[in-house]
Amino acid sequence: MKAIDVQKMMNNALAAKNVNYKKAFRLYVRMNKLRSKEGLPYLSMPNLENRIADMAKRKKA
């Protein structure tokens, strides 16, 4: 599977009415691994990364 296909899946997951951020983040990580293998630049999504970090903090508390 190509990085663009995984990126489309991630975008669909983020555009869903009830967003599953865990799934979207897994796809984000997978997409960036594929992008690096394909020689493409890393795609950063600070908002998604911050949301996942906040969710992890809440879980620990």
N, C-alpha and C. Protein backbone atom coordinates (compact mmCIF):
# COMPACT_ATOMS: atom_id res chain seq x y z
N MET A 1 0.85 -1.17 0.00
CA MET A 1 0.00 0.00 0.00
C MET A 1 0.89 1.24 0.00
N LYS A 2 0.49 2.23 -0.74
CA LYS A 2 1.27 3.47 -0.85
C LYS A 2 0.87 4.44 0.26
N ALA A 3 1.75 5.39 0.52
CA ALA A 3 1.51 6.39 1.57
C ALA A 3 0.27 7.22 1.26
N ILE A 4 0.03 7.52 0.00
CA ILE A 4 -1.13 8.34 -0.35
C ILE A 4 -2.44 7.62 -0.02
N ASP A 5 -2.45 6.29 -0.18
CA ASP A 5 -3.64 5.51 0.15
C ASP A 5 -3.91 5.54 1.65
N VAL A 6 -2.85 5.41 2.44
CA VAL A 6 -2.99 5.46 3.90
C VAL A 6 -3.41 6.87 4.32
N GLN A 7 -2.88 7.89 3.64
CA GLN A 7 -3.25 9.27 3.96
C GLN A 7 -4.73 9.50 3.69
N LYS A 8 -5.25 8.94 2.61
CA LYS A 8 -6.68 9.06 2.32
C LYS A 8 -7.52 8.39 3.40
N MET A 9 -7.07 7.20 3.86
CA MET A 9 -7.77 6.51 4.93
C MET A 9 -7.76 7.34 6.21
N MET A 10 -6.62 7.96 6.51
CA MET A 10 -6.51 8.79 7.70
C MET A 10 -7.42 10.01 7.60
N ASN A 11 -7.45 10.64 6.43
CA ASN A 11 -8.32 11.80 6.24
C ASN A 11 -9.78 11.43 6.40
N ASN A 12 -10.17 10.26 5.89
CA ASN A 12 -11.54 9.80 6.06
C ASN A 12 -11.86 9.54 7.53
N ALA A 13 -10.90 8.98 8.26
CA ALA A 13 -11.10 8.73 9.69
C ALA A 13 -11.27 10.04 10.45
N LEU A 14 -10.50 11.07 10.07
CA LEU A 14 -10.59 12.36 10.75
C LEU A 14 -11.85 13.13 10.35
N ALA A 15 -12.39 12.85 9.17
CA ALA A 15 -13.58 13.56 8.70
C ALA A 15 -14.87 12.90 9.17
N ALA A 16 -14.78 11.75 9.79
CA ALA A 16 -15.97 11.04 10.25
C ALA A 16 -16.69 11.84 11.32
N LYS A 17 -17.98 11.57 11.46
CA LYS A 17 -18.78 12.30 12.45
C LYS A 17 -18.27 12.02 13.87
N ASN A 18 -18.04 10.77 14.18
CA ASN A 18 -17.47 10.38 15.47
C ASN A 18 -16.03 9.96 15.22
N VAL A 19 -15.11 10.87 15.46
CA VAL A 19 -13.70 10.64 15.13
C VAL A 19 -13.07 9.66 16.11
N ASN A 20 -12.41 8.65 15.56
CA ASN A 20 -11.64 7.71 16.36
C ASN A 20 -10.18 8.16 16.26
N TYR A 21 -9.72 8.94 17.24
CA TYR A 21 -8.39 9.52 17.18
C TYR A 21 -7.29 8.47 17.27
N LYS A 22 -7.56 7.37 17.99
CA LYS A 22 -6.58 6.30 18.08
C LYS A 22 -6.29 5.72 16.70
N LYS A 23 -7.36 5.44 15.96
CA LYS A 23 -7.22 4.90 14.60
C LYS A 23 -6.52 5.91 13.70
N ALA A 24 -6.93 7.16 13.79
CA ALA A 24 -6.33 8.20 12.95
C ALA A 24 -4.84 8.34 13.25
N PHE A 25 -4.45 8.25 14.51
CA PHE A 25 -3.04 8.39 14.87
C PHE A 25 -2.23 7.19 14.38
N ARG A 26 -2.80 5.98 14.50
CA ARG A 26 -2.12 4.79 13.97
C ARG A 26 -1.88 4.94 12.47
N LEU A 27 -2.89 5.43 11.75
CA LEU A 27 -2.74 5.63 10.31
C LEU A 27 -1.71 6.72 10.01
N TYR A 28 -1.67 7.75 10.85
CA TYR A 28 -0.71 8.84 10.70
C TYR A 28 0.73 8.33 10.82
N VAL A 29 0.97 7.49 11.82
CA VAL A 29 2.30 6.92 12.03
C VAL A 29 2.66 6.00 10.86
N ARG A 30 1.72 5.16 10.46
CA ARG A 30 1.95 4.25 9.33
C ARG A 30 2.23 5.03 8.05
N MET A 31 1.47 6.09 7.82
CA MET A 31 1.64 6.91 6.63
C MET A 31 3.04 7.52 6.59
N ASN A 32 3.51 8.05 7.72
CA ASN A 32 4.83 8.67 7.74
C ASN A 32 5.95 7.65 7.56
N LYS A 33 5.76 6.43 8.05
CA LYS A 33 6.76 5.38 7.80
C LYS A 33 6.82 5.08 6.31
N LEU A 34 5.66 4.97 5.67
CA LEU A 34 5.64 4.70 4.23
C LEU A 34 6.21 5.87 3.45
N ARG A 35 5.91 7.10 3.89
CA ARG A 35 6.44 8.28 3.20
C ARG A 35 7.97 8.29 3.25
N SER A 36 8.54 7.91 4.38
CA SER A 36 10.00 7.90 4.48
C SER A 36 10.60 6.82 3.58
N LYS A 37 9.93 5.66 3.47
CA LYS A 37 10.40 4.60 2.57
C LYS A 37 10.33 5.04 1.12
N GLU A 38 9.31 5.84 0.79
CA GLU A 38 9.12 6.30 -0.59
C GLU A 38 9.96 7.54 -0.91
N GLY A 39 10.69 8.04 0.09
CA GLY A 39 11.54 9.21 -0.13
C GLY A 39 10.79 10.53 -0.08
N LEU A 40 9.61 10.52 0.51
CA LEU A 40 8.81 11.74 0.64
C LEU A 40 9.07 12.38 2.00
N PRO A 41 8.85 13.69 2.14
CA PRO A 41 9.08 14.35 3.43
C PRO A 41 8.05 13.93 4.48
N TYR A 42 8.47 14.04 5.73
CA TYR A 42 7.61 13.76 6.88
C TYR A 42 6.46 14.76 6.91
N LEU A 43 5.26 14.27 7.13
CA LEU A 43 4.09 15.14 7.22
C LEU A 43 3.76 15.33 8.69
N SER A 44 3.84 16.56 9.18
CA SER A 44 3.55 16.81 10.59
C SER A 44 2.12 17.29 10.75
N MET A 45 1.50 16.82 11.80
CA MET A 45 0.14 17.23 12.15
C MET A 45 0.13 17.54 13.64
N PRO A 46 0.58 18.75 14.02
CA PRO A 46 0.71 19.08 15.44
C PRO A 46 -0.61 19.00 16.20
N ASN A 47 -1.72 19.34 15.57
CA ASN A 47 -3.00 19.28 16.27
C ASN A 47 -3.37 17.85 16.65
N LEU A 48 -3.15 16.92 15.74
CA LEU A 48 -3.44 15.51 16.02
C LEU A 48 -2.49 14.99 17.09
N GLU A 49 -1.21 15.34 16.99
CA GLU A 49 -0.23 14.90 17.98
C GLU A 49 -0.57 15.45 19.37
N ASN A 50 -0.98 16.71 19.44
CA ASN A 50 -1.35 17.32 20.73
C ASN A 50 -2.60 16.67 21.30
N ARG A 51 -3.57 16.37 20.46
CA ARG A 51 -4.81 15.75 20.93
C ARG A 51 -4.51 14.37 21.53
N ILE A 52 -3.66 13.60 20.87
CA ILE A 52 -3.30 12.27 21.37
C ILE A 52 -2.53 12.40 22.68
N ALA A 53 -1.62 13.38 22.77
CA ALA A 53 -0.85 13.59 24.00
C ALA A 53 -1.78 13.97 25.15
N ASP A 54 -2.77 14.82 24.88
CA ASP A 54 -3.73 15.20 25.92
C ASP A 54 -4.56 14.01 26.37
N MET A 55 -4.95 13.17 25.43
CA MET A 55 -5.73 11.98 25.78
C MET A 55 -4.91 11.04 26.65
N ALA A 56 -3.62 10.91 26.36
CA ALA A 56 -2.73 10.05 27.15
C ALA A 56 -2.57 10.61 28.56
N LYS A 57 -2.45 11.94 28.69
CA LYS A 57 -2.32 12.57 30.01
C LYS A 57 -3.57 12.33 30.84
N ARG A 58 -4.74 12.46 30.21
CA ARG A 58 -6.00 12.25 30.93
C ARG A 58 -6.13 10.81 31.40
N LYS A 59 -5.64 9.87 30.59
CA LYS A 59 -5.72 8.46 30.96
C LYS A 59 -4.87 8.17 32.19
N LYS A 60 -3.69 8.81 32.27
CA LYS A 60 -2.78 8.58 33.39
C LYS A 60 -3.31 9.20 34.67
N ALA A 61 -4.04 10.29 34.56
CA ALA A 61 -4.52 11.01 35.75
C ALA A 61 -5.67 10.32 36.42
